[in-house]
């Protein structure tokens, strides 16, 4: 059986999905844009699989009469889209989102025109900007690792 794990940025909420995930999508509707603070929302349906919250649980915001959206109350990471037809998990919340490429787009009537051209923009690795952002060399990552941990929070450096 296929297992996928994931969670929020700070690690307060973790999940495991057992079973095949085949409905990965991108939604361009305005509610999804606002919920993710982004041009679109990448979501993975858990229909036909078993979703278990292994640490904590999302808080919810009811964004419409049919939809509730789950998020981490500590760090704000968007986690779920919950509707009468099932629960979808934010693709970026999975530990390895590259395993879940989108296969369909929804809400295209609200798609922002330049989204289809993002792949044509110039590309840079993070450290290419070191001259204008020298703090990059001293960044200490406090984000939860992309794997399950025995406890949360793990010991952190004060700072």
C-alpha atoms as a PDB file:
ATOM      1  CA  UNK A   1       0.000   0.000   0.000  1.00  0.00           C
ATOM      2  CA  UNK A   2       1.255   3.469  -0.883  1.00  0.00           C
ATOM      3  CA  UNK A   3       1.894   5.790   2.072  1.00  0.00           C
ATOM      4  CA  UNK A   4       2.231   9.577   1.830  1.00  0.00           C
ATOM      5  CA  UNK A   5       3.106  11.753   4.817  1.00  0.00           C
ATOM      6  CA  UNK A   6       3.194  15.469   5.364  1.00  0.00           C
ATOM      7  CA  UNK A   7       2.354  18.356   7.612  1.00  0.00           C
ATOM      8  CA  UNK A   8       2.522  22.046   8.230  1.00  0.00           C
ATOM      9  CA  UNK A   9       5.602  24.248   8.206  1.00  0.00           C
ATOM     10  CA  UNK A  10       6.100  24.271  11.985  1.00  0.00           C
ATOM     11  CA  UNK A  11       5.331  20.578  12.587  1.00  0.00           C
ATOM     12  CA  UNK A  12       2.351  21.048  14.942  1.00  0.00           C
ATOM     13  CA  UNK A  13       0.112  19.187  12.476  1.00  0.00           C
ATOM     14  CA  UNK A  14       1.171  15.993  10.676  1.00  0.00           C
ATOM     15  CA  UNK A  15      -0.770  13.509   8.549  1.00  0.00           C
ATOM     16  CA  UNK A  16      -0.483  10.155   6.810  1.00  0.00           C
ATOM     17  CA  UNK A  17      -2.463   9.070   3.749  1.00  0.00           C
ATOM     18  CA  UNK A  18      -2.613   5.337   3.005  1.00  0.00           C
ATOM     19  CA  UNK A  19      -3.707   4.315  -0.481  1.00  0.00           C
ATOM     20  CA  UNK A  20      -3.394   5.518  -4.040  1.00  0.00           C
ATOM     21  CA  UNK A  21      -3.731   9.253  -4.683  1.00  0.00           C
ATOM     22  CA  UNK A  22      -4.638   9.909  -8.295  1.00  0.00           C
ATOM     23  CA  UNK A  23      -6.635  13.147  -8.290  1.00  0.00           C
ATOM     24  CA  UNK A  24      -4.061  15.901  -7.959  1.00  0.00           C
ATOM     25  CA  UNK A  25      -5.300  19.233  -9.253  1.00  0.00           C
ATOM     26  CA  UNK A  26      -4.804  22.960  -9.429  1.00  0.00           C
ATOM     27  CA  UNK A  27      -7.717  25.250  -8.610  1.00  0.00           C
ATOM     28  CA  UNK A  28      -7.760  28.816  -9.906  1.00  0.00           C
ATOM     29  CA  UNK A  29     -11.026  29.954  -8.246  1.00  0.00           C
ATOM     30  CA  UNK A  30     -10.859  33.165  -6.250  1.00  0.00           C
ATOM     31  CA  UNK A  31     -11.577  31.415  -2.942  1.00  0.00           C
ATOM     32  CA  UNK A  32      -8.601  29.098  -3.454  1.00  0.00           C
ATOM     33  CA  UNK A  33      -6.384  32.024  -4.489  1.00  0.00           C
ATOM     34  CA  UNK A  34      -7.217  33.827  -1.250  1.00  0.00           C
ATOM     35  CA  UNK A  35      -7.003  30.706   0.932  1.00  0.00           C
ATOM     36  CA  UNK A  36      -3.475  29.956  -0.318  1.00  0.00           C
ATOM     37  CA  UNK A  37      -2.361  33.571  -0.801  1.00  0.00           C
ATOM     38  CA  UNK A  38      -1.244  32.484  -4.256  1.00  0.00           C
ATOM     39  CA  UNK A  39      -2.209  32.527  -7.943  1.00  0.00           C
ATOM     40  CA  UNK A  40      -3.765  29.061  -7.589  1.00  0.00           C
ATOM     41  CA  UNK A  41      -4.144  26.215  -5.110  1.00  0.00           C
ATOM     42  CA  UNK A  42      -2.512  22.817  -5.730  1.00  0.00           C
ATOM     43  CA  UNK A  43      -4.671  20.148  -4.069  1.00  0.00           C
ATOM     44  CA  UNK A  44      -4.626  16.338  -3.823  1.00  0.00           C
ATOM     45  CA  UNK A  45      -7.894  14.511  -3.268  1.00  0.00           C
ATOM     46  CA  UNK A  46      -7.841  11.794  -0.620  1.00  0.00           C
ATOM     47  CA  UNK A  47     -10.961  10.057  -2.020  1.00  0.00           C
ATOM     48  CA  UNK A  48     -10.456   6.290  -1.889  1.00  0.00           C
ATOM     49  CA  UNK A  49      -7.546   6.582   0.557  1.00  0.00           C
ATOM     50  CA  UNK A  50      -7.317   6.764   4.332  1.00  0.00           C
ATOM     51  CA  UNK A  51      -6.315  10.118   5.870  1.00  0.00           C
ATOM     52  CA  UNK A  52      -5.102  10.081   9.486  1.00  0.00           C
ATOM     53  CA  UNK A  53      -3.905  13.085  11.509  1.00  0.00           C
ATOM     54  CA  UNK A  54      -0.804  11.776  13.293  1.00  0.00           C
ATOM     55  CA  UNK A  55       0.031  14.949  15.251  1.00  0.00           C
ATOM     56  CA  UNK A  56      -2.391  17.718  16.085  1.00  0.00           C
ATOM     57  CA  UNK A  57      -5.287  18.610  13.816  1.00  0.00           C
ATOM     58  CA  UNK A  58      -6.141  21.532  11.570  1.00  0.00           C
ATOM     59  CA  UNK A  59      -8.253  24.479  12.681  1.00  0.00           C
ATOM     60  CA  UNK A  60     -11.002  25.316  10.190  1.00  0.00           C
ATOM     61  CA  UNK A  61     -12.423  28.313   8.376  1.00  0.00           C
ATOM     62  CA  UNK A  62     -15.768  27.885   6.640  1.00  0.00           C
ATOM     63  CA  UNK A  63     -15.166  29.636   3.302  1.00  0.00           C
ATOM     64  CA  UNK A  64     -18.617  28.882   1.872  1.00  0.00           C
ATOM     65  CA  UNK A  65     -21.825  27.069   2.692  1.00  0.00           C
ATOM     66  CA  UNK A  66     -20.246  23.806   1.459  1.00  0.00           C
ATOM     67  CA  UNK A  67     -16.504  24.169   2.024  1.00  0.00           C
ATOM     68  CA  UNK A  68     -14.301  24.230   5.114  1.00  0.00           C
ATOM     69  CA  UNK A  69     -10.587  24.904   4.851  1.00  0.00           C
ATOM     70  CA  UNK A  70      -8.141  23.465   7.364  1.00  0.00           C
ATOM     71  CA  UNK A  71      -4.934  25.222   8.387  1.00  0.00           C
ATOM     72  CA  UNK A  72      -2.331  25.091  11.136  1.00  0.00           C
ATOM     73  CA  UNK A  73      -3.319  27.480  13.905  1.00  0.00           C
ATOM     74  CA  UNK A  74       0.361  27.947  14.865  1.00  0.00           C
ATOM     75  CA  UNK A  75       2.049  28.739  11.540  1.00  0.00           C
ATOM     76  CA  UNK A  76      -0.898  29.302   9.179  1.00  0.00           C
ATOM     77  CA  UNK A  77       0.010  26.631   6.623  1.00  0.00           C
ATOM     78  CA  UNK A  78      -3.016  25.842   4.412  1.00  0.00           C
ATOM     79  CA  UNK A  79      -3.744  22.119   4.793  1.00  0.00           C
ATOM     80  CA  UNK A  80      -7.191  21.042   3.576  1.00  0.00           C
ATOM     81  CA  UNK A  81     -10.123  21.732   1.323  1.00  0.00           C
ATOM     82  CA  UNK A  82     -13.091  19.866   2.808  1.00  0.00           C
ATOM     83  CA  UNK A  83     -16.322  19.571   0.793  1.00  0.00           C
ATOM     84  CA  UNK A  84     -19.251  17.134   0.614  1.00  0.00           C
ATOM     85  CA  UNK A  85     -17.362  15.039  -1.958  1.00  0.00           C
ATOM     86  CA  UNK A  86     -14.288  14.547   0.253  1.00  0.00           C
ATOM     87  CA  UNK A  87     -11.101  16.057   1.613  1.00  0.00           C
ATOM     88  CA  UNK A  88      -8.209  17.360  -0.467  1.00  0.00           C
ATOM     89  CA  UNK A  89      -4.795  18.102   1.025  1.00  0.00           C
ATOM     90  CA  UNK A  90      -2.605  21.022  -0.039  1.00  0.00           C
ATOM     91  CA  UNK A  91      -0.006  19.473  -2.362  1.00  0.00           C
ATOM     92  CA  UNK A  92       2.852  21.477  -0.847  1.00  0.00           C
ATOM     93  CA  UNK A  93       2.067  20.089   2.615  1.00  0.00           C
ATOM     94  CA  UNK A  94       3.147  16.584   1.530  1.00  0.00           C
ATOM     95  CA  UNK A  95       6.718  15.646   2.459  1.00  0.00           C
ATOM     96  CA  UNK A  96       7.420  14.878  -1.215  1.00  0.00           C
ATOM     97  CA  UNK A  97       5.013  16.866  -3.401  1.00  0.00           C
ATOM     98  CA  UNK A  98       6.952  15.860  -6.518  1.00  0.00           C
ATOM     99  CA  UNK A  99       5.258  12.430  -6.246  1.00  0.00           C
ATOM    100  CA  UNK A 100       1.853  14.048  -6.863  1.00  0.00           C
ATOM    101  CA  UNK A 101       1.906  16.010 -10.135  1.00  0.00           C
ATOM    102  CA  UNK A 102      -1.369  17.725 -11.059  1.00  0.00           C
ATOM    103  CA  UNK A 103      -3.529  16.051 -13.699  1.00  0.00           C
ATOM    104  CA  UNK A 104      -6.351  18.620 -14.055  1.00  0.00           C
ATOM    105  CA  UNK A 105      -7.131  22.318 -13.494  1.00  0.00           C
ATOM    106  CA  UNK A 106     -10.374  23.696 -12.058  1.00  0.00           C
ATOM    107  CA  UNK A 107     -11.804  27.199 -11.764  1.00  0.00           C
ATOM    108  CA  UNK A 108     -10.084  28.258 -14.970  1.00  0.00           C
ATOM    109  CA  UNK A 109     -12.585  31.085 -15.440  1.00  0.00           C
ATOM    110  CA  UNK A 110     -10.556  32.908 -12.723  1.00  0.00           C
ATOM    111  CA  UNK A 111      -7.140  31.797 -13.968  1.00  0.00           C
ATOM    112  CA  UNK A 112      -4.707  34.711 -13.982  1.00  0.00           C
ATOM    113  CA  UNK A 113      -3.373  35.093 -17.529  1.00  0.00           C
ATOM    114  CA  UNK A 114       0.336  35.079 -16.775  1.00  0.00           C
ATOM    115  CA  UNK A 115       0.196  31.738 -14.927  1.00  0.00           C
ATOM    116  CA  UNK A 116       0.619  29.879 -18.225  1.00  0.00           C
ATOM    117  CA  UNK A 117       3.864  31.777 -18.852  1.00  0.00           C
ATOM    118  CA  UNK A 118       5.585  31.284 -15.494  1.00  0.00           C
ATOM    119  CA  UNK A 119       7.914  28.670 -16.994  1.00  0.00           C
ATOM    120  CA  UNK A 120       9.329  31.344 -19.359  1.00  0.00           C
ATOM    121  CA  UNK A 121      10.585  33.613 -16.548  1.00  0.00           C
ATOM    122  CA  UNK A 122      14.308  33.801 -15.824  1.00  0.00           C
ATOM    123  CA  UNK A 123      15.405  31.281 -13.186  1.00  0.00           C
ATOM    124  CA  UNK A 124      17.906  31.713 -10.349  1.00  0.00           C
ATOM    125  CA  UNK A 125      19.047  29.558  -7.455  1.00  0.00           C
ATOM    126  CA  UNK A 126      18.597  31.151  -4.022  1.00  0.00           C
ATOM    127  CA  UNK A 127      22.235  32.156  -3.581  1.00  0.00           C
ATOM    128  CA  UNK A 128      22.287  34.037  -6.905  1.00  0.00           C
ATOM    129  CA  UNK A 129      20.790  36.949  -4.950  1.00  0.00           C
ATOM    130  CA  UNK A 130      23.512  36.981  -2.288  1.00  0.00           C
ATOM    131  CA  UNK A 131      24.788  40.486  -3.142  1.00  0.00           C
ATOM    132  CA  UNK A 132      21.415  42.133  -2.573  1.00  0.00           C
ATOM    133  CA  UNK A 133      20.425  39.792   0.277  1.00  0.00           C
ATOM    134  CA  UNK A 134      23.599  38.910   2.207  1.00  0.00           C
ATOM    135  CA  UNK A 135      21.554  37.594   5.164  1.00  0.00           C
ATOM    136  CA  UNK A 136      20.962  34.446   3.086  1.00  0.00           C
ATOM    137  CA  UNK A 137      24.343  33.044   4.146  1.00  0.00           C
ATOM    138  CA  UNK A 138      23.282  33.128   7.812  1.00  0.00           C
ATOM    139  CA  UNK A 139      19.770  31.676   7.577  1.00  0.00           C
ATOM    140  CA  UNK A 140      18.933  29.042  10.171  1.00  0.00           C
ATOM    141  CA  UNK A 141      15.944  26.925   9.116  1.00  0.00           C
ATOM    142  CA  UNK A 142      13.335  26.406  11.867  1.00  0.00           C
ATOM    143  CA  UNK A 143      10.898  24.667   9.527  1.00  0.00           C
ATOM    144  CA  UNK A 144       9.843  21.139  10.437  1.00  0.00           C
ATOM    145  CA  UNK A 145      11.753  18.575   8.327  1.00  0.00           C
ATOM    146  CA  UNK A 146      10.001  16.708   5.507  1.00  0.00           C
ATOM    147  CA  UNK A 147       9.629  13.530   7.548  1.00  0.00           C
ATOM    148  CA  UNK A 148       7.877  12.326  10.676  1.00  0.00           C
ATOM    149  CA  UNK A 149       9.632  13.036  13.985  1.00  0.00           C
ATOM    150  CA  UNK A 150       9.139  11.378  17.354  1.00  0.00           C
ATOM    151  CA  UNK A 151       8.331  14.650  19.081  1.00  0.00           C
ATOM    152  CA  UNK A 152       7.447  18.238  18.378  1.00  0.00           C
ATOM    153  CA  UNK A 153       8.876  20.687  18.728  1.00  0.00           C
ATOM    154  CA  UNK A 154      12.319  19.278  18.387  1.00  0.00           C
ATOM    155  CA  UNK A 155      15.000  21.080  20.361  1.00  0.00           C
ATOM    156  CA  UNK A 156      15.641  24.408  18.689  1.00  0.00           C
ATOM    157  CA  UNK A 157      18.462  26.903  18.869  1.00  0.00           C
ATOM    158  CA  UNK A 158      17.426  30.027  20.797  1.00  0.00           C
ATOM    159  CA  UNK A 159      17.504  33.120  18.709  1.00  0.00           C
END
